[in-house]
C-alpha atoms as a PDB file:
ATOM      1  CA  MET A   1      33.716 -81.619   1.596  1.00  0.00           C
ATOM      2  CA  GLY A   2      30.914 -82.075   4.089  1.00  0.00           C
ATOM      3  CA  PHE A   3      29.169 -80.016   6.712  1.00  0.00           C
ATOM      4  CA  VAL A   4      30.089 -80.077  10.389  1.00  0.00           C
ATOM      5  CA  ARG A   5      27.208 -81.302  12.460  1.00  0.00           C
ATOM      6  CA  PRO A   6      26.428 -79.053  15.380  1.00  0.00           C
ATOM      7  CA  ALA A   7      26.682 -80.606  18.813  1.00  0.00           C
ATOM      8  CA  LYS A   8      26.775 -79.550  22.354  1.00  0.00           C
ATOM      9  CA  SER A   9      30.094 -78.304  23.620  1.00  0.00           C
ATOM     10  CA  LYS A  10      31.704 -80.695  26.073  1.00  0.00           C
ATOM     11  CA  LYS A  11      33.772 -77.894  27.560  1.00  0.00           C
ATOM     12  CA  ARG A  12      32.521 -76.903  30.970  1.00  0.00           C
ATOM     13  CA  LEU A  13      31.485 -73.322  31.298  1.00  0.00           C
ATOM     14  CA  ARG A  14      33.192 -71.310  33.980  1.00  0.00           C
ATOM     15  CA  THR A  15      30.855 -70.048  36.631  1.00  0.00           C
ATOM     16  CA  PRO A  16      30.891 -66.273  36.933  1.00  0.00           C
ATOM     17  CA  THR A  17      32.560 -64.906  40.037  1.00  0.00           C
ATOM     18  CA  SER A  18      31.679 -61.769  41.910  1.00  0.00           C
ATOM     19  CA  ARG A  19      35.154 -60.335  41.329  1.00  0.00           C
ATOM     20  CA  PRO A  20      35.729 -59.226  37.759  1.00  0.00           C
ATOM     21  CA  SER A  21      38.900 -60.399  36.180  1.00  0.00           C
ATOM     22  CA  LYS A  22      41.654 -58.175  34.934  1.00  0.00           C
ATOM     23  CA  ARG A  23      40.689 -59.011  31.385  1.00  0.00           C
ATOM     24  CA  GLN A  24      37.180 -57.903  32.059  1.00  0.00           C
ATOM     25  CA  LYS A  25      38.456 -54.657  33.547  1.00  0.00           C
ATOM     26  CA  LYS A  26      40.556 -54.064  30.498  1.00  0.00           C
ATOM     27  CA  ASP A  27      37.668 -54.817  28.193  1.00  0.00           C
ATOM     28  CA  GLY A  28      35.430 -52.572  30.298  1.00  0.00           C
ATOM     29  CA  ALA A  29      37.891 -49.711  30.084  1.00  0.00           C
ATOM     30  CA  ALA A  30      38.200 -50.200  26.371  1.00  0.00           C
ATOM     31  CA  SER A  31      34.459 -50.208  25.932  1.00  0.00           C
ATOM     32  CA  THR A  32      34.190 -47.106  28.099  1.00  0.00           C
ATOM     33  CA  SER A  33      36.778 -45.243  26.089  1.00  0.00           C
ATOM     34  CA  SER A  34      35.193 -46.320  22.850  1.00  0.00           C
ATOM     35  CA  SER A  35      31.783 -45.146  24.041  1.00  0.00           C
ATOM     36  CA  GLU A  36      33.154 -41.672  24.679  1.00  0.00           C
ATOM     37  CA  CYS A  37      33.992 -41.303  20.994  1.00  0.00           C
ATOM     38  CA  PRO A  38      30.741 -40.903  19.052  1.00  0.00           C
ATOM     39  CA  SER A  39      30.421 -42.911  15.896  1.00  0.00           C
ATOM     40  CA  ALA A  40      29.593 -41.363  12.566  1.00  0.00           C
ATOM     41  CA  THR A  41      26.096 -42.825  12.659  1.00  0.00           C
ATOM     42  CA  SER A  42      25.332 -41.839  16.241  1.00  0.00           C
ATOM     43  CA  SER A  43      22.357 -39.522  16.618  1.00  0.00           C
ATOM     44  CA  ARG A  44      23.262 -38.530  20.187  1.00  0.00           C
ATOM     45  CA  PRO A  45      23.816 -34.721  20.360  1.00  0.00           C
ATOM     46  CA  THR A  46      27.322 -33.664  21.188  1.00  0.00           C
ATOM     47  CA  THR A  47      28.231 -31.219  23.883  1.00  0.00           C
ATOM     48  CA  PRO A  48      29.899 -28.136  22.359  1.00  0.00           C
ATOM     49  CA  ALA A  49      33.119 -26.850  23.771  1.00  0.00           C
ATOM     50  CA  GLN A  50      32.898 -24.044  26.261  1.00  0.00           C
ATOM     51  CA  GLY A  51      32.367 -20.628  24.585  1.00  0.00           C
ATOM     52  CA  VAL A  52      31.307 -22.160  21.239  1.00  0.00           C
ATOM     53  CA  THR A  53      27.689 -21.758  20.096  1.00  0.00           C
ATOM     54  CA  VAL A  54      26.276 -24.492  17.923  1.00  0.00           C
ATOM     55  CA  GLU A  55      23.048 -23.673  16.039  1.00  0.00           C
ATOM     56  CA  VAL A  56      20.955 -26.697  15.263  1.00  0.00           C
ATOM     57  CA  PRO A  57      18.683 -26.092  12.207  1.00  0.00           C
ATOM     58  CA  THR A  58      15.036 -26.252  13.211  1.00  0.00           C
ATOM     59  CA  GLY A  59      11.725 -25.314  11.660  1.00  0.00           C
ATOM     60  CA  SER A  60      10.872 -24.889   7.984  1.00  0.00           C
ATOM     61  CA  ILE A  61      13.157 -23.892   5.135  1.00  0.00           C
ATOM     62  CA  LEU A  62      11.715 -20.355   5.173  1.00  0.00           C
ATOM     63  CA  GLU A  63      12.816 -19.886   8.786  1.00  0.00           C
ATOM     64  CA  ARG A  64      16.412 -20.726   7.848  1.00  0.00           C
ATOM     65  CA  LEU A  65      16.570 -18.260   4.940  1.00  0.00           C
ATOM     66  CA  PRO A  66      18.481 -14.981   5.308  1.00  0.00           C
ATOM     67  CA  VAL A  67      16.261 -12.018   6.113  1.00  0.00           C
ATOM     68  CA  GLU A  68      16.864 -10.322   2.743  1.00  0.00           C
ATOM     69  CA  ILE A  69      15.818 -13.409   0.770  1.00  0.00           C
ATOM     70  CA  LEU A  70      12.807 -14.023   3.026  1.00  0.00           C
ATOM     71  CA  GLN A  71      11.654 -10.451   2.417  1.00  0.00           C
ATOM     72  CA  GLU A  72      11.907 -10.968  -1.346  1.00  0.00           C
ATOM     73  CA  VAL A  73       9.862 -14.158  -1.064  1.00  0.00           C
ATOM     74  CA  PHE A  74       7.236 -12.269   0.932  1.00  0.00           C
ATOM     75  CA  VAL A  75       7.079  -9.349  -1.526  1.00  0.00           C
ATOM     76  CA  PHE A  76       6.897 -11.346  -4.755  1.00  0.00           C
ATOM     77  CA  SER A  77       4.690 -14.160  -3.457  1.00  0.00           C
ATOM     78  CA  GLY A  78       1.924 -11.801  -2.427  1.00  0.00           C
ATOM     79  CA  VAL A  79       1.033 -13.976   0.581  1.00  0.00           C
ATOM     80  CA  SER A  80       0.037 -11.360   3.141  1.00  0.00           C
ATOM     81  CA  SER A  81      -0.462 -13.972   5.891  1.00  0.00           C
ATOM     82  CA  LEU A  82       3.178 -15.125   5.800  1.00  0.00           C
ATOM     83  CA  PRO A  83       4.238 -13.058   8.887  1.00  0.00           C
ATOM     84  CA  LEU A  84       1.564 -14.861  10.906  1.00  0.00           C
ATOM     85  CA  THR A  85       3.003 -18.347  10.376  1.00  0.00           C
ATOM     86  CA  CYS A  86       5.540 -18.264  13.216  1.00  0.00           C
ATOM     87  CA  LYS A  87       7.400 -15.871  15.494  1.00  0.00           C
ATOM     88  CA  SER A  88      10.762 -16.059  13.731  1.00  0.00           C
ATOM     89  CA  ILE A  89       9.258 -15.166  10.336  1.00  0.00           C
ATOM     90  CA  ASN A  90       7.221 -12.433  11.980  1.00  0.00           C
ATOM     91  CA  ARG A  91      10.422 -10.901  13.394  1.00  0.00           C
ATOM     92  CA  SER A  92      12.123 -11.044   9.990  1.00  0.00           C
ATOM     93  CA  LEU A  93       9.167  -9.402   8.237  1.00  0.00           C
ATOM     94  CA  ARG A  94       8.626  -6.540  10.626  1.00  0.00           C
ATOM     95  CA  PRO A  95       7.958  -3.323   8.651  1.00  0.00           C
ATOM     96  CA  SER A  96      11.270  -1.648   7.861  1.00  0.00           C
ATOM     97  CA  HIS A  97      11.943   1.122   5.374  1.00  0.00           C
ATOM     98  CA  SER A  98      13.563  -1.245   2.867  1.00  0.00           C
ATOM     99  CA  LEU A  99      10.685  -3.731   3.111  1.00  0.00           C
ATOM    100  CA  ARG A 100       8.067  -0.984   2.753  1.00  0.00           C
ATOM    101  CA  LEU A 101       9.922   0.350  -0.289  1.00  0.00           C
ATOM    102  CA  ALA A 102      10.131  -3.077  -1.939  1.00  0.00           C
ATOM    103  CA  MET A 103       6.436  -3.727  -1.296  1.00  0.00           C
ATOM    104  CA  LEU A 104       5.310  -0.371  -2.717  1.00  0.00           C
ATOM    105  CA  LYS A 105       7.377  -0.810  -5.882  1.00  0.00           C
ATOM    106  CA  THR A 106       5.242  -3.815  -6.806  1.00  0.00           C
ATOM    107  CA  PHE A 107       2.245  -1.463  -7.142  1.00  0.00           C
ATOM    108  CA  VAL A 108       3.897   0.731  -9.807  1.00  0.00           C
ATOM    109  CA  TYR A 109       3.102  -0.152 -13.440  1.00  0.00           C
ATOM    110  CA  ASP A 110       4.586   0.969 -16.740  1.00  0.00           C
ATOM    111  CA  LEU A 111       1.732   2.373 -18.829  1.00  0.00           C
ATOM    112  CA  ASN A 112       3.897   2.279 -21.958  1.00  0.00           C
ATOM    113  CA  CYS A 113       4.495  -1.485 -21.612  1.00  0.00           C
ATOM    114  CA  LYS A 114       8.273  -0.905 -21.610  1.00  0.00           C
ATOM    115  CA  VAL A 115       8.058   0.908 -24.981  1.00  0.00           C
ATOM    116  CA  ARG A 116      10.080   4.059 -24.526  1.00  0.00           C
ATOM    117  CA  THR A 117       8.247   6.991 -26.033  1.00  0.00           C
ATOM    118  CA  ASP A 118       7.801  10.715 -25.434  1.00  0.00           C
ATOM    119  CA  ALA A 119       4.224  10.733 -26.688  1.00  0.00           C
ATOM    120  CA  TYR A 120       2.799  10.626 -23.150  1.00  0.00           C
ATOM    121  CA  LYS A 121       3.631  12.744 -20.121  1.00  0.00           C
ATOM    122  CA  THR A 122       2.629   9.980 -17.726  1.00  0.00           C
ATOM    123  CA  ALA A 123       4.710   6.828 -17.970  1.00  0.00           C
ATOM    124  CA  PHE A 124       4.304   5.156 -14.573  1.00  0.00           C
ATOM    125  CA  ALA A 125       1.078   4.687 -12.608  1.00  0.00           C
ATOM    126  CA  LEU A 126       0.591   3.788  -8.959  1.00  0.00           C
ATOM    127  CA  ASP A 127      -2.258   1.445  -8.112  1.00  0.00           C
ATOM    128  CA  ARG A 128      -4.737   3.517  -6.113  1.00  0.00           C
ATOM    129  CA  ASP A 129      -5.767   0.571  -3.923  1.00  0.00           C
ATOM    130  CA  CYS A 130      -2.345   0.416  -2.234  1.00  0.00           C
ATOM    131  CA  LEU A 131      -3.008   3.789  -0.581  1.00  0.00           C
ATOM    132  CA  GLN A 132      -5.441   2.009   1.730  1.00  0.00           C
ATOM    133  CA  TYR A 133      -2.642  -0.133   3.222  1.00  0.00           C
ATOM    134  CA  LYS A 134      -1.029   0.897   6.470  1.00  0.00           C
ATOM    135  CA  PHE A 135       2.509   0.066   5.341  1.00  0.00           C
ATOM    136  CA  VAL A 136       2.442   3.036   2.919  1.00  0.00           C
ATOM    137  CA  ASN A 137       3.851   6.172   4.506  1.00  0.00           C
ATOM    138  CA  SER A 138       5.063   9.536   3.272  1.00  0.00           C
ATOM    139  CA  LYS A 139       8.745   8.599   3.340  1.00  0.00           C
ATOM    140  CA  VAL A 140       8.503   5.631   0.967  1.00  0.00           C
ATOM    141  CA  LEU A 141       5.920   7.423  -1.191  1.00  0.00           C
ATOM    142  CA  LYS A 142       8.431  10.192  -1.918  1.00  0.00           C
ATOM    143  CA  GLU A 143      11.060   7.663  -3.034  1.00  0.00           C
ATOM    144  CA  ILE A 144       8.804   5.895  -5.544  1.00  0.00           C
ATOM    145  CA  ASN A 145       8.883   7.053  -9.157  1.00  0.00           C
ATOM    146  CA  PHE A 146       5.316   7.424 -10.502  1.00  0.00           C
ATOM    147  CA  ASP A 147       3.449  10.069 -12.488  1.00  0.00           C
ATOM    148  CA  ILE A 148      -0.195   9.354 -11.814  1.00  0.00           C
ATOM    149  CA  VAL A 149      -2.461   7.393  -9.471  1.00  0.00           C
ATOM    150  CA  LEU A 150      -5.036   5.131 -11.157  1.00  0.00           C
ATOM    151  CA  PRO A 151      -7.264   2.203 -10.219  1.00  0.00           C
ATOM    152  CA  MET A 152      -6.122  -1.155 -11.540  1.00  0.00           C
ATOM    153  CA  ARG A 153      -8.845  -1.348 -14.199  1.00  0.00           C
ATOM    154  CA  SER A 154      -7.751   1.990 -15.628  1.00  0.00           C
ATOM    155  CA  ILE A 155      -4.087   0.929 -15.592  1.00  0.00           C
ATOM    156  CA  VAL A 156      -4.886  -2.203 -17.616  1.00  0.00           C
ATOM    157  CA  ALA A 157      -7.060  -0.288 -20.084  1.00  0.00           C
ATOM    158  CA  GLU A 158      -4.583   2.552 -20.569  1.00  0.00           C
ATOM    159  CA  SER A 159      -1.648   0.166 -21.032  1.00  0.00           C
ATOM    160  CA  LYS A 160      -3.573  -1.834 -23.612  1.00  0.00           C
ATOM    161  CA  ASN A 161      -4.704   1.297 -25.443  1.00  0.00           C
ATOM    162  CA  ARG A 162      -1.149   2.625 -25.687  1.00  0.00           C
ATOM    163  CA  LEU A 163       0.164  -0.727 -26.873  1.00  0.00           C
ATOM    164  CA  MET A 164      -2.462  -0.891 -29.627  1.00  0.00           C
ATOM    165  CA  LEU A 165      -1.676   2.654 -30.748  1.00  0.00           C
ATOM    166  CA  HIS A 166       2.020   1.785 -30.860  1.00  0.00           C
ATOM    167  CA  TYR A 167       1.198  -1.321 -32.897  1.00  0.00           C
ATOM    168  CA  ASP A 168      -0.821   0.789 -35.348  1.00  0.00           C
ATOM    169  CA  SER A 169       2.022   3.282 -35.733  1.00  0.00           C
ATOM    170  CA  LEU A 170       4.476   0.473 -36.533  1.00  0.00           C
ATOM    171  CA  ASN A 171       2.150  -0.917 -39.196  1.00  0.00           C
ATOM    172  CA  LYS A 172       1.719   2.534 -40.672  1.00  0.00           C
ATOM    173  CA  ARG A 173       5.473   2.983 -40.982  1.00  0.00           C
ATOM    174  CA  LEU A 174       5.746  -0.477 -42.537  1.00  0.00           C
ATOM    175  CA  LEU A 175       3.253   0.469 -45.238  1.00  0.00           C
ATOM    176  CA  GLU A 176       5.045   3.746 -45.883  1.00  0.00           C
ATOM    177  CA  THR A 177       8.298   1.826 -46.331  1.00  0.00           C
ATOM    178  CA  LEU A 178       6.671  -0.584 -48.756  1.00  0.00           C
ATOM    179  CA  TYR A 179       5.323   2.293 -50.861  1.00  0.00           C
ATOM    180  CA  LEU A 180       8.689   4.071 -50.844  1.00  0.00           C
ATOM    181  CA  ASN A 181      10.434   0.884 -51.988  1.00  0.00           C
ATOM    182  CA  ASN A 182       7.874   0.388 -54.792  1.00  0.00           C
ATOM    183  CA  ALA A 183       6.712  -2.954 -53.467  1.00  0.00           C
ATOM    184  CA  ASP A 184       4.329  -4.873 -55.693  1.00  0.00           C
ATOM    185  CA  ALA A 185       0.595  -4.746 -55.081  1.00  0.00           C
ATOM    186  CA  ASP A 186       0.369  -8.361 -53.932  1.00  0.00           C
ATOM    187  CA  GLU A 187       2.849  -7.821 -51.091  1.00  0.00           C
ATOM    188  CA  ILE A 188       1.060  -4.677 -49.955  1.00  0.00           C
ATOM    189  CA  ASN A 189      -2.295  -6.430 -50.031  1.00  0.00           C
ATOM    190  CA  ARG A 190      -0.924  -9.335 -47.996  1.00  0.00           C
ATOM    191  CA  GLU A 191       0.339  -6.924 -45.348  1.00  0.00           C
ATOM    192  CA  LEU A 192      -2.973  -5.075 -45.273  1.00  0.00           C
ATOM    193  CA  ALA A 193      -4.854  -8.344 -44.852  1.00  0.00           C
ATOM    194  CA  ARG A 194      -2.538  -9.397 -42.015  1.00  0.00           C
ATOM    195  CA  MET A 195      -2.959  -6.069 -40.216  1.00  0.00           C
ATOM    196  CA  THR A 196      -6.737  -6.210 -40.527  1.00  0.00           C
ATOM    197  CA  GLU A 197      -6.886  -9.756 -39.195  1.00  0.00           C
ATOM    198  CA  GLU A 198      -4.564  -9.054 -36.253  1.00  0.00           C
ATOM    199  CA  ARG A 199      -6.360  -5.834 -35.390  1.00  0.00           C
ATOM    200  CA  SER A 200      -9.760  -7.492 -35.375  1.00  0.00           C
ATOM    201  CA  SER A 201      -8.514 -10.251 -33.057  1.00  0.00           C
ATOM    202  CA  MET A 202      -7.605  -7.743 -30.359  1.00  0.00           C
ATOM    203  CA  ASP A 203     -10.234  -7.330 -27.684  1.00  0.00           C
ATOM    204  CA  ASP A 204     -11.922  -3.971 -27.518  1.00  0.00           C
ATOM    205  CA  ILE A 205     -11.373  -1.844 -24.435  1.00  0.00           C
ATOM    206  CA  GLN A 206     -14.509  -1.666 -22.320  1.00  0.00           C
ATOM    207  CA  THR A 207     -14.362   2.035 -21.505  1.00  0.00           C
ATOM    208  CA  GLU A 208     -17.869   2.088 -20.041  1.00  0.00           C
ATOM    209  CA  ASP A 209     -16.714  -0.058 -17.099  1.00  0.00           C
ATOM    210  CA  LEU A 210     -13.855   2.259 -16.161  1.00  0.00           C
ATOM    211  CA  PRO A 211     -14.190   4.645 -13.208  1.00  0.00           C
ATOM    212  CA  SER A 212     -14.566   8.329 -13.936  1.00  0.00           C
ATOM    213  CA  ALA A 213     -11.858  10.890 -13.255  1.00  0.00           C
ATOM    214  CA  GLU A 214     -13.956  12.274 -10.405  1.00  0.00           C
ATOM    215  CA  GLU A 215     -13.735   8.887  -8.727  1.00  0.00           C
ATOM    216  CA  PHE A 216     -10.059   7.994  -9.064  1.00  0.00           C
ATOM    217  CA  GLU A 217      -8.619  11.513  -8.733  1.00  0.00           C
ATOM    218  CA  ASP A 218     -10.131  11.866  -5.267  1.00  0.00           C
ATOM    219  CA  TYR A 219      -8.203  10.772  -2.183  1.00  0.00           C
ATOM    220  CA  PRO A 220      -9.147   7.447  -0.543  1.00  0.00           C
ATOM    221  CA  GLU A 221     -11.567   7.596   2.352  1.00  0.00           C
ATOM    222  CA  ARG A 222      -8.957   7.292   5.097  1.00  0.00           C
ATOM    223  CA  PHE A 223      -7.418  10.615   4.009  1.00  0.00           C
ATOM    224  CA  TYR A 224     -10.696  12.263   5.003  1.00  0.00           C
ATOM    225  CA  THR A 225     -10.486  10.953   8.567  1.00  0.00           C
ATOM    226  CA  HIS A 226      -6.766  10.863   9.445  1.00  0.00           C
ATOM    227  CA  PHE A 227      -4.813  14.086   9.847  1.00  0.00           C
ATOM    228  CA  SER A 228      -1.453  13.041  11.224  1.00  0.00           C
ATOM    229  CA  GLN A 229       1.760  14.538   9.897  1.00  0.00           C
ATOM    230  CA  ASN A 230       2.327  11.389   7.845  1.00  0.00           C
ATOM    231  CA  HIS A 231      -1.091  11.553   6.151  1.00  0.00           C
ATOM    232  CA  ILE A 232      -0.808  15.232   5.322  1.00  0.00           C
ATOM    233  CA  GLU A 233       2.639  14.742   3.764  1.00  0.00           C
ATOM    234  CA  MET A 234       1.230  11.847   1.740  1.00  0.00           C
ATOM    235  CA  ALA A 235      -1.651  14.048   0.565  1.00  0.00           C
ATOM    236  CA  GLU A 236       0.806  16.757  -0.525  1.00  0.00           C
ATOM    237  CA  THR A 237       2.890  14.223  -2.463  1.00  0.00           C
ATOM    238  CA  LEU A 238      -0.181  12.791  -4.180  1.00  0.00           C
ATOM    239  CA  TYR A 239      -1.452  16.292  -4.980  1.00  0.00           C
ATOM    240  CA  ASN A 240       1.542  16.718  -7.290  1.00  0.00           C
ATOM    241  CA  THR A 241       0.322  13.682  -9.282  1.00  0.00           C
ATOM    242  CA  GLY A 242      -3.165  15.084  -9.876  1.00  0.00           C
ATOM    243  CA  MET A 243      -5.102  13.920  -6.817  1.00  0.00           C
ATOM    244  CA  ARG A 244      -7.476  16.343  -5.086  1.00  0.00           C
ATOM    245  CA  PHE A 245      -9.895  16.450  -2.182  1.00  0.00           C
ATOM    246  CA  LYS A 246     -13.049  16.559  -4.291  1.00  0.00           C
ATOM    247  CA  VAL A 247     -15.326  17.046  -1.272  1.00  0.00           C
ATOM    248  CA  SER A 248     -13.466  19.969   0.277  1.00  0.00           C
ATOM    249  CA  GLY A 249     -16.228  20.840   2.743  1.00  0.00           C
ATOM    250  CA  LYS A 250     -16.163  17.344   4.209  1.00  0.00           C
ATOM    251  CA  VAL A 251     -12.401  17.120   4.711  1.00  0.00           C
ATOM    252  CA  MET A 252     -12.129  20.625   6.186  1.00  0.00           C
ATOM    253  CA  SER A 253     -15.055  19.964   8.517  1.00  0.00           C
ATOM    254  CA  MET A 254     -13.514  16.697   9.704  1.00  0.00           C
ATOM    255  CA  ALA A 255     -10.124  18.331  10.262  1.00  0.00           C
ATOM    256  CA  ILE A 256     -11.686  21.136  12.307  1.00  0.00           C
ATOM    257  CA  SER A 257     -13.637  18.583  14.365  1.00  0.00           C
ATOM    258  CA  GLU A 258     -10.275  16.940  15.146  1.00  0.00           C
ATOM    259  CA  HIS A 259      -9.033  20.338  16.429  1.00  0.00           C
ATOM    260  CA  CYS A 260      -6.331  20.774  13.775  1.00  0.00           C
ATOM    261  CA  ASP A 261      -4.548  24.103  13.963  1.00  0.00           C
ATOM    262  CA  VAL A 262      -4.700  26.762  11.241  1.00  0.00           C
ATOM    263  CA  GLU A 263      -1.313  25.726   9.785  1.00  0.00           C
ATOM    264  CA  THR A 264      -2.522  22.164   9.295  1.00  0.00           C
ATOM    265  CA  LEU A 265      -5.835  23.387   7.893  1.00  0.00           C
ATOM    266  CA  SER A 266      -3.944  25.544   5.385  1.00  0.00           C
ATOM    267  CA  ARG A 267      -1.972  22.528   4.115  1.00  0.00           C
ATOM    268  CA  ILE A 268      -5.161  20.487   3.746  1.00  0.00           C
ATOM    269  CA  LEU A 269      -6.946  23.338   1.961  1.00  0.00           C
ATOM    270  CA  LYS A 270      -4.135  23.554  -0.617  1.00  0.00           C
ATOM    271  CA  CYS A 271      -4.836  19.907  -1.519  1.00  0.00           C
ATOM    272  CA  THR A 272      -8.487  20.617  -2.346  1.00  0.00           C
ATOM    273  CA  GLU A 273      -9.737  21.151  -5.877  1.00  0.00           C
ATOM    274  CA  THR A 274     -10.287  24.914  -5.543  1.00  0.00           C
ATOM    275  CA  GLY A 275      -7.963  25.824  -2.681  1.00  0.00           C
ATOM    276  CA  THR A 276     -10.760  27.894  -1.104  1.00  0.00           C
ATOM    277  CA  ILE A 277     -13.682  27.416   1.271  1.00  0.00           C
ATOM    278  CA  THR A 278     -16.787  26.815  -0.812  1.00  0.00           C
ATOM    279  CA  SER A 279     -19.276  25.381   1.716  1.00  0.00           C
ATOM    280  CA  VAL A 280     -20.554  26.294   5.149  1.00  0.00           C
ATOM    281  CA  GLU A 281     -19.788  22.914   6.779  1.00  0.00           C
ATOM    282  CA  PRO A 282     -16.301  23.903   8.044  1.00  0.00           C
ATOM    283  CA  VAL A 283     -17.699  27.149   9.511  1.00  0.00           C
ATOM    284  CA  ILE A 284     -20.362  25.248  11.450  1.00  0.00           C
ATOM    285  CA  SER A 285     -17.696  22.830  12.743  1.00  0.00           C
ATOM    286  CA  ALA A 286     -15.564  25.757  13.934  1.00  0.00           C
ATOM    287  CA  PHE A 287     -18.552  27.326  15.701  1.00  0.00           C
ATOM    288  CA  ALA A 288     -19.282  23.925  17.296  1.00  0.00           C
ATOM    289  CA  ASN A 289     -15.730  23.971  18.723  1.00  0.00           C
ATOM    290  CA  ASP A 290     -16.339  27.543  19.947  1.00  0.00           C
ATOM    291  CA  ASP A 291     -13.249  28.483  17.917  1.00  0.00           C
ATOM    292  CA  LEU A 292     -13.905  31.972  16.585  1.00  0.00           C
ATOM    293  CA  ALA A 293     -10.276  32.385  15.458  1.00  0.00           C
ATOM    294  CA  THR A 294     -10.719  29.483  13.017  1.00  0.00           C
ATOM    295  CA  VAL A 295     -14.029  30.991  11.884  1.00  0.00           C
ATOM    296  CA  GLU A 296     -12.174  34.237  11.106  1.00  0.00           C
ATOM    297  CA  TRP A 297      -9.608  32.322   9.047  1.00  0.00           C
ATOM    298  CA  LEU A 298     -12.304  30.380   7.172  1.00  0.00           C
ATOM    299  CA  LEU A 299     -14.098  33.595   6.216  1.00  0.00           C
ATOM    300  CA  GLU A 300     -10.815  34.964   4.880  1.00  0.00           C
ATOM    301  CA  MET A 301     -10.209  31.821   2.791  1.00  0.00           C
ATOM    302  CA  LYS A 302     -13.706  31.605   1.311  1.00  0.00           C
ATOM    303  CA  ALA A 303     -14.317  31.732  -2.412  1.00  0.00           C
ATOM    304  CA  HIS A 304     -15.220  35.161  -3.763  1.00  0.00           C
ATOM    305  CA  ASP A 305     -18.627  34.030  -4.979  1.00  0.00           C
ATOM    306  CA  THR A 306     -19.537  32.253  -1.732  1.00  0.00           C
ATOM    307  CA  ASP A 307     -21.637  34.083   0.870  1.00  0.00           C
ATOM    308  CA  LEU A 308     -20.946  32.150   4.060  1.00  0.00           C
ATOM    309  CA  ILE A 309     -22.124  34.576   6.748  1.00  0.00           C
ATOM    310  CA  ASN A 310     -25.621  34.810   5.270  1.00  0.00           C
ATOM    311  CA  ASN A 311     -26.010  31.086   4.635  1.00  0.00           C
ATOM    312  CA  ASP A 312     -29.414  29.836   5.805  1.00  0.00           C
ATOM    313  CA  ASP A 313     -28.061  26.530   7.172  1.00  0.00           C
ATOM    314  CA  LEU A 314     -25.559  28.419   9.332  1.00  0.00           C
ATOM    315  CA  TRP A 315     -28.193  30.708  10.847  1.00  0.00           C
ATOM    316  CA  ILE A 316     -30.624  27.855  11.459  1.00  0.00           C
ATOM    317  CA  TRP A 317     -27.891  25.893  13.264  1.00  0.00           C
ATOM    318  CA  ILE A 318     -27.022  28.916  15.434  1.00  0.00           C
ATOM    319  CA  GLY A 319     -30.705  29.454  16.218  1.00  0.00           C
ATOM    320  CA  GLN A 320     -31.073  25.827  17.302  1.00  0.00           C
ATOM    321  CA  LYS A 321     -28.019  26.101  19.560  1.00  0.00           C
ATOM    322  CA  LYS A 322     -29.300  29.458  20.987  1.00  0.00           C
ATOM    323  CA  ARG A 323     -25.807  30.971  21.009  1.00  0.00           C
ATOM    324  CA  THR A 324     -26.264  34.750  21.035  1.00  0.00           C
ATOM    325  CA  LYS A 325     -22.466  35.181  21.027  1.00  0.00           C
ATOM    326  CA  PHE A 326     -22.324  33.678  17.551  1.00  0.00           C
ATOM    327  CA  LEU A 327     -25.178  35.914  16.376  1.00  0.00           C
ATOM    328  CA  LYS A 328     -23.317  38.984  17.533  1.00  0.00           C
ATOM    329  CA  PHE A 329     -20.122  37.763  15.866  1.00  0.00           C
ATOM    330  CA  LEU A 330     -21.859  37.397  12.498  1.00  0.00           C
ATOM    331  CA  THR A 331     -23.689  40.683  12.888  1.00  0.00           C
ATOM    332  CA  ASP A 332     -20.387  42.458  13.505  1.00  0.00           C
ATOM    333  CA  LYS A 333     -19.125  40.860  10.283  1.00  0.00           C
ATOM    334  CA  GLY A 334     -21.979  42.542   8.383  1.00  0.00           C
ATOM    335  CA  ALA A 335     -24.284  39.529   8.076  1.00  0.00           C
ATOM    336  CA  ASN A 336     -27.775  40.245   6.745  1.00  0.00           C
ATOM    337  CA  PRO A 337     -29.841  37.030   6.653  1.00  0.00           C
ATOM    338  CA  SER A 338     -33.306  36.789   5.150  1.00  0.00           C
ATOM    339  CA  HIS A 339     -36.371  37.899   7.135  1.00  0.00           C
ATOM    340  CA  GLY A 340     -37.724  34.370   7.292  1.00  0.00           C
ATOM    341  CA  ILE A 341     -34.538  33.124   8.934  1.00  0.00           C
ATOM    342  CA  ILE A 342     -34.539  36.007  11.418  1.00  0.00           C
ATOM    343  CA  GLY A 343     -38.128  35.181  12.392  1.00  0.00           C
ATOM    344  CA  ALA A 344     -37.307  31.501  12.894  1.00  0.00           C
ATOM    345  CA  ILE A 345     -34.282  32.358  15.030  1.00  0.00           C
ATOM    346  CA  SER A 346     -36.341  34.762  17.172  1.00  0.00           C
ATOM    347  CA  ASN A 347     -38.905  32.028  17.837  1.00  0.00           C
ATOM    348  CA  ASN A 348     -36.154  29.627  18.882  1.00  0.00           C
ATOM    349  CA  LEU A 349     -34.518  32.138  21.188  1.00  0.00           C
ATOM    350  CA  HIS A 350     -37.789  33.089  22.916  1.00  0.00           C
ATOM    351  CA  GLY A 351     -39.397  29.670  22.729  1.00  0.00           C
END
C-alpha cells in the first residue's frame, strides 16, 4: 500500500458571485444560530434574564467570606490593619457590638491556667493595655467576665506562679500517698530526685521587673482627660475590680476644667482612692471657672484632716489674680491664713 502523491486539482474553481446562494444562506443561518448558543469553553459573559441578579466573584478570598467568618479571622489573626485593605472588608469590619465583644474577650486571661481551684479569689484578668483602645466601651466591658485588671507582665508572672504552686501541691500529695502505702525507700527517693530536677529546671519569676500595685491599679491616662458618659461608666465598672484614681487631685481638677457638673464630679470622686478631696488643685480650678457653687461642694467633700481654705497655694493664686470676691468668700468661710501670706497678698493688691 503506497502513498498518494499530492497534485494540483484539475477541477476548475467556481468564481464567487455577488449573490449568495441558498446553501450559503442556510449555512449562514446555521452558523448564526449556533453562535447564539455559548459553548462550554466560551469566556464571553452571558446576559442574565430580566429581574435576575448574577454576582460575579471578584477580589480576594477574604472579600468573599461571610461577615461572621471574616470577623473571626480579624479577631484571631491580630492584624489591626486588615480593615484598611479595601472598602468591602472595611464595611464588614465596622465596629459593632458583637465584634467589640469578640475582640475584648481575647484580652481576658485565666490566671489559674484552666486549673479549677477555690484557692484564689481572682481567676480571670483583663490586660490593662486594652483599656487604651477606642473600641472598648462601657457596654462591652460590663459583659466581659474578669476579676482584676493587670499588665501583661503581671498576668504571665501570676499565671506561672500559680501553676508552680499547683505542681508543688500535686507532688506533695504524691509523696503522702507513697508514705501511706508504705512504699519502699528507693521508690520514694526516685520521686524526690525527679521532683528536685523538674523544679530546678523551671525558670524563676523575675519579680523585680514587675510593675508595682500603685502603677497597675491606677486608671490609664485617657481616663484622666475624658469625662464622657461612656468613660465614667467604664471607670465605675473598673472600680469594682480594684482600680482607683491614684492622683485624685489631678482628675478632679481636669474634670472641673471641663465644666463637669456636680453629679458627674461626685461619680468621679467615688472612683478615687479616698473618696474625698485631699488637695487644693480642684478648688483652684473651680475658682478659675468662677464657679463658687462647685467650690462650696468641694469644701463639703474635703477630707477631715485637710485644711483647704487656709492653704498657702490657694491664697497665693488668689492674690496673683487680684480677685477680692474670692478673698471675701474665703473670709466668710472662716479662713485664717498666715501673716506672711496676708502680707504678700496685700502687696499684690496694692502693687
